[in-house]
N, C-alpha and C. Protein backbone atom coordinates (compact mmCIF):
# COMPACT_ATOMS: atom_id res chain seq x y z
N MET A 1 30.87 -34.52 82.09
CA MET A 1 31.89 -35.64 81.66
C MET A 1 31.86 -36.35 82.97
N ALA A 2 32.07 -37.73 82.66
CA ALA A 2 32.33 -38.55 83.93
C ALA A 2 33.63 -38.45 84.37
N GLU A 3 33.88 -38.45 85.74
CA GLU A 3 35.09 -38.30 86.42
C GLU A 3 36.14 -39.50 86.22
N GLY A 4 35.51 -40.58 85.76
CA GLY A 4 36.30 -41.76 85.82
C GLY A 4 37.18 -41.73 84.28
N GLN A 5 36.68 -41.10 83.33
CA GLN A 5 37.44 -41.11 82.08
C GLN A 5 38.66 -40.03 82.09
N GLY A 6 39.68 -40.36 81.51
CA GLY A 6 40.72 -39.51 81.35
C GLY A 6 40.60 -38.62 80.30
N PHE A 7 41.36 -37.56 80.10
CA PHE A 7 41.33 -36.68 78.90
C PHE A 7 42.13 -37.12 77.80
N ARG A 8 41.51 -37.30 76.78
CA ARG A 8 42.31 -37.90 75.61
C ARG A 8 42.46 -36.69 74.41
N GLN A 9 43.68 -36.54 74.13
CA GLN A 9 43.95 -35.51 73.22
C GLN A 9 44.10 -36.01 71.79
N GLU A 10 43.43 -35.20 70.86
CA GLU A 10 43.43 -35.69 69.39
C GLU A 10 44.87 -35.40 68.85
N MET A 11 45.37 -36.43 68.13
CA MET A 11 46.62 -36.27 67.33
C MET A 11 46.59 -36.33 65.96
N PRO A 12 47.53 -36.08 65.38
CA PRO A 12 47.69 -36.13 64.00
C PRO A 12 47.67 -37.58 63.57
N PRO A 13 47.31 -37.81 62.30
CA PRO A 13 47.32 -39.36 61.90
C PRO A 13 48.79 -39.83 61.61
N PRO A 14 48.82 -40.98 61.62
CA PRO A 14 50.20 -41.63 61.54
C PRO A 14 50.83 -41.31 60.25
N GLY A 15 52.02 -40.70 60.22
CA GLY A 15 52.80 -40.32 58.95
C GLY A 15 52.58 -38.72 58.96
N GLY A 16 51.58 -38.08 59.73
CA GLY A 16 51.38 -36.70 59.63
C GLY A 16 50.39 -36.32 58.62
N TYR A 17 50.13 -34.97 58.63
CA TYR A 17 49.19 -34.45 57.71
C TYR A 17 49.88 -34.32 56.31
N ARG A 18 48.93 -34.26 55.31
CA ARG A 18 49.72 -34.00 53.79
C ARG A 18 50.22 -32.61 53.94
N LYS A 19 51.07 -32.45 52.85
CA LYS A 19 51.50 -31.15 52.63
C LYS A 19 50.57 -30.02 52.14
N PHE A 20 50.68 -28.88 52.81
CA PHE A 20 49.76 -27.96 52.53
C PHE A 20 50.42 -26.89 51.44
N ASN A 21 49.64 -26.57 50.36
CA ASN A 21 50.12 -25.59 49.36
C ASN A 21 49.74 -24.28 49.78
N PHE A 22 50.83 -23.44 50.14
CA PHE A 22 50.45 -22.17 50.59
C PHE A 22 50.87 -20.99 49.49
N GLY A 23 51.37 -21.69 48.19
CA GLY A 23 51.85 -20.81 47.19
C GLY A 23 50.56 -20.16 46.42
N ARG A 24 50.71 -19.27 45.63
CA ARG A 24 49.58 -18.52 44.93
C ARG A 24 49.25 -19.59 43.78
N THR A 25 47.86 -19.83 43.80
CA THR A 25 47.18 -20.76 42.76
C THR A 25 46.18 -19.93 41.70
N TYR A 26 46.10 -20.37 40.61
CA TYR A 26 45.30 -19.62 39.59
C TYR A 26 44.11 -20.50 39.32
N PRO A 27 42.95 -19.77 39.14
CA PRO A 27 41.61 -20.77 38.87
C PRO A 27 41.79 -21.39 37.37
N LYS A 28 41.26 -22.52 37.15
CA LYS A 28 41.28 -23.05 35.91
C LYS A 28 40.52 -22.16 34.96
N VAL A 29 41.11 -22.06 33.62
CA VAL A 29 40.46 -21.23 32.70
C VAL A 29 39.46 -22.08 31.89
N ALA A 30 38.15 -21.62 31.95
CA ALA A 30 37.14 -22.30 31.26
C ALA A 30 37.08 -22.03 29.84
N TRP A 31 37.50 -20.92 29.45
CA TRP A 31 37.41 -20.39 27.98
C TRP A 31 38.95 -20.41 27.51
N LYS A 32 39.35 -21.35 26.78
CA LYS A 32 40.84 -21.51 26.32
C LYS A 32 40.83 -20.62 25.05
N PRO A 33 41.99 -20.00 24.70
CA PRO A 33 41.93 -19.04 23.40
C PRO A 33 41.87 -19.98 22.23
N GLY A 34 42.30 -21.27 22.35
CA GLY A 34 42.27 -22.14 21.17
C GLY A 34 40.78 -22.59 20.88
N ILE A 35 39.91 -22.28 21.88
CA ILE A 35 38.39 -22.63 21.67
C ILE A 35 37.80 -21.07 21.31
N VAL A 36 37.93 -20.21 21.91
CA VAL A 36 37.26 -18.87 21.90
C VAL A 36 37.49 -18.10 20.50
N ILE A 37 38.74 -17.98 20.05
CA ILE A 37 39.05 -17.37 18.85
C ILE A 37 38.53 -17.88 17.65
N PRO A 38 38.68 -19.33 17.31
CA PRO A 38 37.89 -19.93 16.24
C PRO A 38 36.38 -19.70 16.42
N GLY A 39 35.90 -19.79 17.61
CA GLY A 39 34.39 -19.75 17.63
C GLY A 39 33.96 -18.27 17.33
N LEU A 40 34.59 -17.29 17.77
CA LEU A 40 34.34 -15.84 17.36
C LEU A 40 34.53 -15.64 15.81
N VAL A 41 35.65 -16.29 15.39
CA VAL A 41 35.84 -16.03 13.84
C VAL A 41 34.85 -16.84 13.01
N GLY A 42 34.30 -18.02 13.59
CA GLY A 42 33.13 -18.76 12.97
C GLY A 42 32.00 -17.88 13.00
N CYS A 43 31.52 -17.44 14.13
CA CYS A 43 30.39 -16.48 14.34
C CYS A 43 30.45 -15.30 13.35
N ALA A 44 31.65 -14.54 13.26
CA ALA A 44 31.82 -13.40 12.26
C ALA A 44 31.48 -13.80 10.97
N ILE A 45 32.14 -14.99 10.59
CA ILE A 45 31.86 -15.45 9.08
C ILE A 45 30.48 -15.81 8.80
N PHE A 46 29.77 -16.55 9.76
CA PHE A 46 28.30 -16.77 9.52
C PHE A 46 27.50 -15.53 9.48
N GLY A 47 27.78 -14.66 10.53
CA GLY A 47 26.97 -13.30 10.26
C GLY A 47 27.22 -12.63 9.08
N ALA A 48 28.44 -12.62 8.51
CA ALA A 48 28.81 -11.85 7.26
C ALA A 48 27.98 -12.56 6.14
N TYR A 49 28.05 -13.92 6.11
CA TYR A 49 27.18 -14.65 5.11
C TYR A 49 25.72 -14.41 5.24
N GLN A 50 25.24 -14.47 6.52
CA GLN A 50 23.81 -14.06 6.71
C GLN A 50 23.48 -12.59 6.08
N ALA A 51 24.23 -11.62 6.63
CA ALA A 51 24.06 -10.25 6.06
C ALA A 51 24.05 -10.17 4.57
N TYR A 52 25.00 -10.81 3.88
CA TYR A 52 25.10 -10.92 2.56
C TYR A 52 23.86 -11.61 1.91
N ALA A 53 23.47 -12.66 2.47
CA ALA A 53 22.44 -13.44 1.87
C ALA A 53 21.11 -12.54 1.96
N GLN A 54 20.94 -11.83 3.12
CA GLN A 54 19.80 -10.93 3.22
C GLN A 54 19.76 -9.66 2.39
N LYS A 55 20.96 -9.31 2.11
CA LYS A 55 20.98 -8.12 1.13
C LYS A 55 20.49 -8.60 -0.28
N MET A 56 21.08 -9.75 -0.68
CA MET A 56 20.67 -10.20 -1.95
C MET A 56 19.30 -10.56 -2.04
N HIS A 57 18.56 -10.93 -0.97
CA HIS A 57 17.32 -11.25 -1.09
C HIS A 57 16.45 -9.96 -1.06
N ARG A 58 16.80 -9.01 -0.33
CA ARG A 58 16.08 -7.71 -0.44
C ARG A 58 16.27 -7.04 -1.77
N GLN A 59 17.62 -7.24 -2.41
CA GLN A 59 17.68 -6.73 -3.79
C GLN A 59 16.81 -7.52 -4.88
N THR A 60 16.55 -8.83 -4.58
CA THR A 60 15.92 -9.66 -5.63
C THR A 60 14.38 -9.43 -5.51
N GLU A 61 13.78 -9.12 -4.13
CA GLU A 61 12.44 -8.54 -3.91
C GLU A 61 12.31 -7.14 -4.51
N LYS A 62 13.17 -6.36 -4.34
CA LYS A 62 13.06 -4.87 -4.75
C LYS A 62 12.96 -4.85 -6.26
N PHE A 63 13.95 -5.64 -7.01
CA PHE A 63 13.93 -5.87 -8.41
C PHE A 63 12.58 -6.52 -8.95
N GLU A 64 11.97 -7.38 -8.22
CA GLU A 64 10.83 -8.13 -8.62
C GLU A 64 9.57 -6.97 -8.50
N ASP A 65 9.70 -6.39 -7.30
CA ASP A 65 8.58 -5.40 -7.21
C ASP A 65 8.67 -4.12 -8.36
N GLN A 66 9.98 -3.69 -8.60
CA GLN A 66 9.99 -2.55 -9.65
C GLN A 66 9.63 -3.27 -11.03
N ASP A 67 9.97 -4.48 -11.25
CA ASP A 67 9.58 -5.09 -12.57
C ASP A 67 8.06 -5.08 -12.59
N ILE A 68 7.37 -5.54 -11.47
CA ILE A 68 5.85 -5.53 -11.46
C ILE A 68 5.27 -4.20 -11.83
N LEU A 69 5.91 -3.07 -11.06
CA LEU A 69 5.36 -1.85 -11.16
C LEU A 69 5.72 -1.29 -12.61
N ASN A 70 6.62 -1.60 -13.29
CA ASN A 70 7.05 -1.28 -14.72
C ASN A 70 5.93 -1.90 -15.59
N ALA A 71 5.72 -3.28 -15.30
CA ALA A 71 4.66 -3.96 -16.06
C ALA A 71 3.29 -3.37 -16.03
N ILE A 72 2.80 -2.84 -14.85
CA ILE A 72 1.51 -2.50 -14.74
C ILE A 72 1.28 -0.84 -15.00
N GLU A 73 2.49 -0.18 -15.06
CA GLU A 73 2.32 1.24 -15.04
C GLU A 73 1.44 1.70 -16.25
N PRO A 74 1.80 1.20 -17.62
CA PRO A 74 0.90 1.57 -18.64
C PRO A 74 -0.67 1.33 -18.49
N PHE A 75 -0.95 0.15 -17.82
CA PHE A 75 -2.38 -0.07 -17.67
C PHE A 75 -2.96 0.96 -16.58
N LEU A 76 -2.29 1.31 -15.48
CA LEU A 76 -2.59 2.24 -14.45
C LEU A 76 -2.69 3.71 -15.12
N THR A 77 -1.73 4.14 -16.04
CA THR A 77 -1.85 5.25 -16.76
C THR A 77 -3.06 5.36 -17.60
N ALA A 78 -3.35 4.23 -18.28
CA ALA A 78 -4.49 4.27 -19.40
C ALA A 78 -5.74 4.41 -18.53
N GLU A 79 -5.87 3.72 -17.34
CA GLU A 79 -7.11 3.69 -16.44
C GLU A 79 -7.35 5.27 -15.96
N ARG A 80 -6.25 5.83 -15.50
CA ARG A 80 -6.26 7.04 -15.06
C ARG A 80 -6.67 8.11 -16.07
N ASP A 81 -6.13 8.02 -17.23
CA ASP A 81 -6.49 8.77 -18.44
C ASP A 81 -7.94 8.75 -18.80
N ARG A 82 -8.45 7.39 -18.83
CA ARG A 82 -9.84 7.02 -19.08
C ARG A 82 -10.86 7.65 -18.22
N GLU A 83 -10.44 7.62 -16.90
CA GLU A 83 -11.50 8.15 -15.79
C GLU A 83 -11.54 9.69 -16.06
N TRP A 84 -10.13 10.28 -16.28
CA TRP A 84 -10.16 11.78 -16.48
C TRP A 84 -11.00 12.14 -17.78
N LEU A 85 -10.87 11.39 -18.93
CA LEU A 85 -11.72 11.65 -19.93
C LEU A 85 -13.32 11.57 -19.89
N LYS A 86 -13.64 10.43 -18.99
CA LYS A 86 -15.11 10.14 -18.70
C LYS A 86 -15.47 11.35 -17.79
N LEU A 87 -14.67 11.96 -16.96
CA LEU A 87 -15.27 13.05 -16.14
C LEU A 87 -15.30 14.30 -17.17
N LEU A 88 -14.39 14.61 -17.79
CA LEU A 88 -14.48 15.59 -18.86
C LEU A 88 -15.64 15.56 -19.75
N LYS A 89 -16.03 14.30 -20.17
CA LYS A 89 -17.38 13.97 -21.05
C LYS A 89 -18.48 14.36 -20.26
N ARG A 90 -18.41 13.76 -18.96
CA ARG A 90 -19.62 14.02 -18.14
C ARG A 90 -19.98 15.48 -17.91
N ASN A 91 -18.78 16.29 -17.75
CA ASN A 91 -18.96 17.71 -17.48
C ASN A 91 -19.60 18.46 -18.75
N ARG A 92 -18.89 17.85 -19.86
CA ARG A 92 -19.53 18.56 -21.09
C ARG A 92 -20.90 18.30 -21.49
N GLU A 93 -21.40 17.06 -21.09
CA GLU A 93 -22.82 16.56 -21.04
C GLU A 93 -23.76 17.47 -20.22
N ILE A 94 -23.18 17.67 -18.94
CA ILE A 94 -23.72 18.42 -17.85
C ILE A 94 -23.90 19.92 -18.46
N GLU A 95 -22.79 20.33 -19.02
CA GLU A 95 -22.92 21.73 -19.53
C GLU A 95 -23.89 21.87 -20.61
N ASN A 96 -24.02 20.83 -21.63
CA ASN A 96 -25.05 20.96 -22.63
C ASN A 96 -26.42 20.94 -22.17
N GLU A 97 -26.57 20.13 -20.96
CA GLU A 97 -27.94 19.97 -20.34
C GLU A 97 -28.45 21.41 -19.77
N LEU A 98 -27.45 21.94 -18.94
CA LEU A 98 -27.61 23.32 -18.34
C LEU A 98 -27.93 24.30 -19.29
N MET A 99 -27.18 24.47 -20.15
CA MET A 99 -27.25 25.59 -21.16
C MET A 99 -28.03 25.57 -22.43
N LYS A 100 -28.86 24.33 -22.47
CA LYS A 100 -29.56 24.18 -23.66
C LYS A 100 -30.67 25.17 -23.92
N ASP A 101 -31.06 25.97 -22.90
CA ASP A 101 -32.18 26.94 -23.24
C ASP A 101 -31.35 28.38 -23.46
N VAL A 102 -30.12 28.41 -23.35
CA VAL A 102 -29.46 29.79 -23.60
C VAL A 102 -29.18 29.87 -25.11
N PRO A 103 -29.90 30.94 -25.71
CA PRO A 103 -29.54 31.14 -27.09
C PRO A 103 -28.18 31.57 -27.60
N GLY A 104 -27.48 30.78 -28.51
CA GLY A 104 -26.18 31.14 -29.07
C GLY A 104 -25.15 30.47 -28.03
N TRP A 105 -25.49 29.74 -27.35
CA TRP A 105 -24.43 29.08 -26.34
C TRP A 105 -23.81 27.89 -27.02
N LYS A 106 -22.39 27.90 -27.05
CA LYS A 106 -21.81 26.71 -27.61
C LYS A 106 -20.93 26.21 -26.58
N THR A 107 -20.95 24.84 -26.39
CA THR A 107 -20.24 24.21 -25.34
C THR A 107 -18.79 24.30 -25.36
N GLY A 108 -18.05 24.74 -24.40
CA GLY A 108 -16.57 24.80 -24.38
C GLY A 108 -16.18 26.19 -24.85
N THR A 109 -17.25 27.13 -24.82
CA THR A 109 -16.96 28.54 -25.10
C THR A 109 -17.67 29.54 -24.07
N TRP A 110 -17.27 30.62 -23.88
CA TRP A 110 -17.97 31.73 -23.03
C TRP A 110 -18.56 32.70 -24.16
N TYR A 111 -19.90 32.40 -24.47
CA TYR A 111 -20.73 33.12 -25.47
C TYR A 111 -19.82 33.39 -26.69
N GLY A 112 -19.24 32.27 -27.30
CA GLY A 112 -18.71 32.32 -28.56
C GLY A 112 -17.15 32.31 -28.46
N GLU A 113 -16.66 33.04 -27.46
CA GLU A 113 -15.13 33.07 -27.23
C GLU A 113 -14.63 31.68 -26.78
N PRO A 114 -13.60 31.20 -27.38
CA PRO A 114 -13.03 29.87 -26.78
C PRO A 114 -12.31 30.08 -25.26
N VAL A 115 -12.75 29.14 -24.60
CA VAL A 115 -12.15 29.22 -23.18
C VAL A 115 -10.85 28.47 -23.07
N PHE A 116 -10.60 27.64 -23.90
CA PHE A 116 -9.34 26.75 -23.94
C PHE A 116 -8.54 27.29 -25.13
N PHE A 117 -7.05 27.40 -24.98
CA PHE A 117 -6.31 27.83 -25.99
C PHE A 117 -5.25 26.65 -26.17
N THR A 118 -5.29 25.98 -27.21
CA THR A 118 -4.36 24.99 -27.44
C THR A 118 -3.56 25.08 -28.60
N LEU A 119 -2.41 24.68 -28.72
CA LEU A 119 -1.63 24.82 -29.94
C LEU A 119 -1.36 23.37 -30.46
N GLY A 120 -1.99 23.02 -31.66
CA GLY A 120 -1.85 21.89 -32.32
C GLY A 120 -2.13 20.68 -31.46
N GLU A 121 -1.26 19.78 -31.24
CA GLU A 121 -1.50 18.52 -30.52
C GLU A 121 -1.28 18.76 -29.01
N LYS A 122 -0.84 19.90 -28.56
CA LYS A 122 -0.78 20.17 -27.21
C LYS A 122 -2.01 20.16 -26.42
N TRP A 123 -2.09 19.54 -25.38
CA TRP A 123 -3.25 19.40 -24.50
C TRP A 123 -3.05 20.11 -23.17
N TRP A 124 -3.78 20.98 -22.80
CA TRP A 124 -3.75 21.66 -21.40
C TRP A 124 -4.83 21.10 -20.64
N ASP A 125 -4.59 20.64 -19.48
CA ASP A 125 -5.87 19.97 -18.51
C ASP A 125 -6.30 21.51 -17.92
N PRO A 126 -7.89 21.34 -17.85
CA PRO A 126 -8.50 22.37 -17.21
C PRO A 126 -8.21 22.17 -15.73
N GLY A 127 -8.32 23.34 -15.00
CA GLY A 127 -8.06 23.37 -13.62
C GLY A 127 -9.08 22.63 -12.71
N GLN A 128 -8.50 22.38 -11.57
CA GLN A 128 -9.49 21.46 -10.67
C GLN A 128 -10.86 22.26 -10.39
N THR A 129 -10.78 23.58 -10.04
CA THR A 129 -12.16 24.05 -9.93
C THR A 129 -13.07 24.12 -11.15
N GLU A 130 -12.40 24.13 -12.13
CA GLU A 130 -13.20 24.11 -13.49
C GLU A 130 -13.66 22.67 -13.79
N VAL A 131 -12.98 21.69 -13.50
CA VAL A 131 -13.33 20.23 -13.62
C VAL A 131 -14.64 19.99 -12.76
N TYR A 132 -14.38 20.42 -11.53
CA TYR A 132 -15.49 20.24 -10.56
C TYR A 132 -16.53 21.14 -10.35
N ALA A 133 -16.57 22.02 -11.39
CA ALA A 133 -17.80 23.19 -11.26
C ALA A 133 -19.19 22.41 -11.30
N HIS A 134 -19.36 21.29 -11.80
CA HIS A 134 -20.83 20.68 -11.74
C HIS A 134 -20.86 19.59 -10.76
N SER A 135 -19.91 19.47 -9.85
CA SER A 135 -19.93 18.27 -8.86
C SER A 135 -20.10 18.95 -7.51
N PRO A 136 -20.72 18.24 -6.61
CA PRO A 136 -20.83 18.60 -5.26
C PRO A 136 -19.27 18.80 -4.56
N ALA A 137 -19.30 19.67 -3.70
CA ALA A 137 -18.15 20.04 -3.09
C ALA A 137 -17.34 18.84 -2.35
N LYS A 138 -18.14 17.79 -1.84
CA LYS A 138 -17.50 16.68 -1.41
C LYS A 138 -16.66 16.00 -2.39
N ALA A 139 -17.08 16.02 -3.73
CA ALA A 139 -16.28 15.24 -4.68
C ALA A 139 -14.84 15.82 -4.96
N GLN A 140 -14.93 17.21 -4.93
CA GLN A 140 -13.62 17.94 -4.95
C GLN A 140 -12.73 17.64 -3.69
N ASN A 141 -13.39 17.65 -2.56
CA ASN A 141 -12.56 17.39 -1.41
C ASN A 141 -12.18 15.87 -1.36
N ASP A 142 -12.93 15.03 -1.71
CA ASP A 142 -12.40 13.57 -1.88
C ASP A 142 -11.26 13.64 -2.77
N GLU A 143 -11.33 14.31 -3.79
CA GLU A 143 -10.15 14.21 -4.84
C GLU A 143 -8.74 14.90 -4.16
N ILE A 144 -9.07 16.09 -3.46
CA ILE A 144 -7.94 16.67 -2.83
C ILE A 144 -7.36 15.73 -1.72
N LEU A 145 -8.37 15.28 -0.91
CA LEU A 145 -7.93 14.47 0.29
C LEU A 145 -7.99 13.13 0.13
N TRP A 146 -7.64 12.61 -1.17
CA TRP A 146 -7.86 11.24 -1.54
C TRP A 146 -6.97 10.26 -0.56
N ARG A 147 -6.02 10.68 0.06
CA ARG A 147 -5.22 9.81 0.81
C ARG A 147 -5.72 9.53 2.15
N HIS A 148 -6.80 10.35 2.45
CA HIS A 148 -7.51 9.99 3.73
C HIS A 148 -8.55 8.91 3.70
N HIS A 149 -8.89 8.30 2.57
CA HIS A 149 -9.62 7.21 2.41
C HIS A 149 -9.06 5.89 2.78
N SER A 150 -9.90 5.12 3.41
CA SER A 150 -9.19 3.80 3.64
C SER A 150 -9.79 2.97 2.48
N GLU A 151 -9.28 1.69 2.44
CA GLU A 151 -9.80 0.69 1.56
C GLU A 151 -11.20 0.12 1.91
N TYR A 152 -11.45 0.31 3.26
CA TYR A 152 -12.63 -0.25 3.81
C TYR A 152 -13.68 0.88 3.52
N SER A 153 -14.83 0.64 2.79
CA SER A 153 -15.69 1.77 2.49
C SER A 153 -17.05 1.54 3.09
N ALA A 154 -17.21 0.46 3.97
CA ALA A 154 -18.50 0.30 4.52
C ALA A 154 -18.58 1.29 5.86
N PRO A 155 -19.89 1.45 6.17
CA PRO A 155 -19.82 2.27 7.36
C PRO A 155 -19.05 1.69 8.71
N LYS A 156 -18.53 2.65 9.35
CA LYS A 156 -17.66 2.29 10.49
C LYS A 156 -18.43 2.55 11.71
N PHE A 157 -18.05 1.74 12.86
CA PHE A 157 -18.70 1.93 14.13
C PHE A 157 -18.72 3.32 14.66
N TYR A 158 -17.71 4.28 14.28
CA TYR A 158 -17.86 5.62 14.85
C TYR A 158 -18.56 6.54 14.16
N ASP A 159 -19.18 6.13 12.94
CA ASP A 159 -19.88 6.91 12.06
C ASP A 159 -21.15 7.81 12.74
N ALA A 160 -21.72 6.98 13.68
CA ALA A 160 -22.89 7.46 14.34
C ALA A 160 -22.62 8.50 15.16
N TRP A 161 -21.27 8.92 15.76
CA TRP A 161 -20.97 9.78 16.71
C TRP A 161 -20.29 11.04 16.17
N ILE A 162 -19.85 10.90 14.80
CA ILE A 162 -19.25 12.04 14.17
C ILE A 162 -20.19 12.73 13.26
N PRO A 163 -20.41 13.84 13.40
CA PRO A 163 -21.49 14.55 12.42
C PRO A 163 -20.81 14.61 11.06
N ASP A 164 -21.70 14.65 10.07
CA ASP A 164 -21.24 14.57 8.73
C ASP A 164 -20.45 15.74 8.25
N VAL A 165 -20.71 16.84 8.88
CA VAL A 165 -20.10 18.13 8.43
C VAL A 165 -18.63 18.06 8.88
N ILE A 166 -18.31 17.35 9.99
CA ILE A 166 -16.87 17.19 10.29
C ILE A 166 -16.38 15.90 9.56
N GLY A 167 -17.08 14.94 9.59
CA GLY A 167 -16.67 13.64 9.00
C GLY A 167 -16.07 13.69 7.50
N ARG A 168 -16.70 14.50 6.74
CA ARG A 168 -16.31 14.63 5.52
C ARG A 168 -14.84 15.11 5.41
N TYR A 169 -14.47 15.80 6.24
CA TYR A 169 -13.02 16.31 6.15
C TYR A 169 -12.10 15.38 6.71
N LEU A 170 -12.52 14.29 7.47
CA LEU A 170 -11.57 13.51 8.12
C LEU A 170 -11.23 12.40 7.19
N TRP A 171 -12.15 11.69 6.45
CA TRP A 171 -11.95 10.57 5.52
C TRP A 171 -12.79 10.66 4.43
């Protein structure tokens, strides 16, 4: 500092400083109850409406799906029965072909004794082993493990690495 200048003390502004609030102050409330409560009630009502609308949509879809299943069930049953009868007819033809040289052989009997016992209009299905007696073992395994088959029946990329002995039991 230069020696020629005197010391100048800083003084309060004329009229003094403004009053200082030293009492407790609370922050401003951003979410007022008059805004929050109606907002929450509105969200709850909208959510309940959406839940009800989704439930009605699911019920409608389920009803339509069940209606479709009810409509096609007779056709599916008829196709299943048709395939079953075709298989039994093919077995009968194979038995006729195999046993044509056996004297006294009548198809559906064991040397003249009836194999099947039916009462009037009652039909008893033959057992699975009996049905697949003239088929390769793979046909019976495919029938037993039918759920293992995918809809994609072309060769798959991994068929080259899995032996057929193991692969027939996988899919």
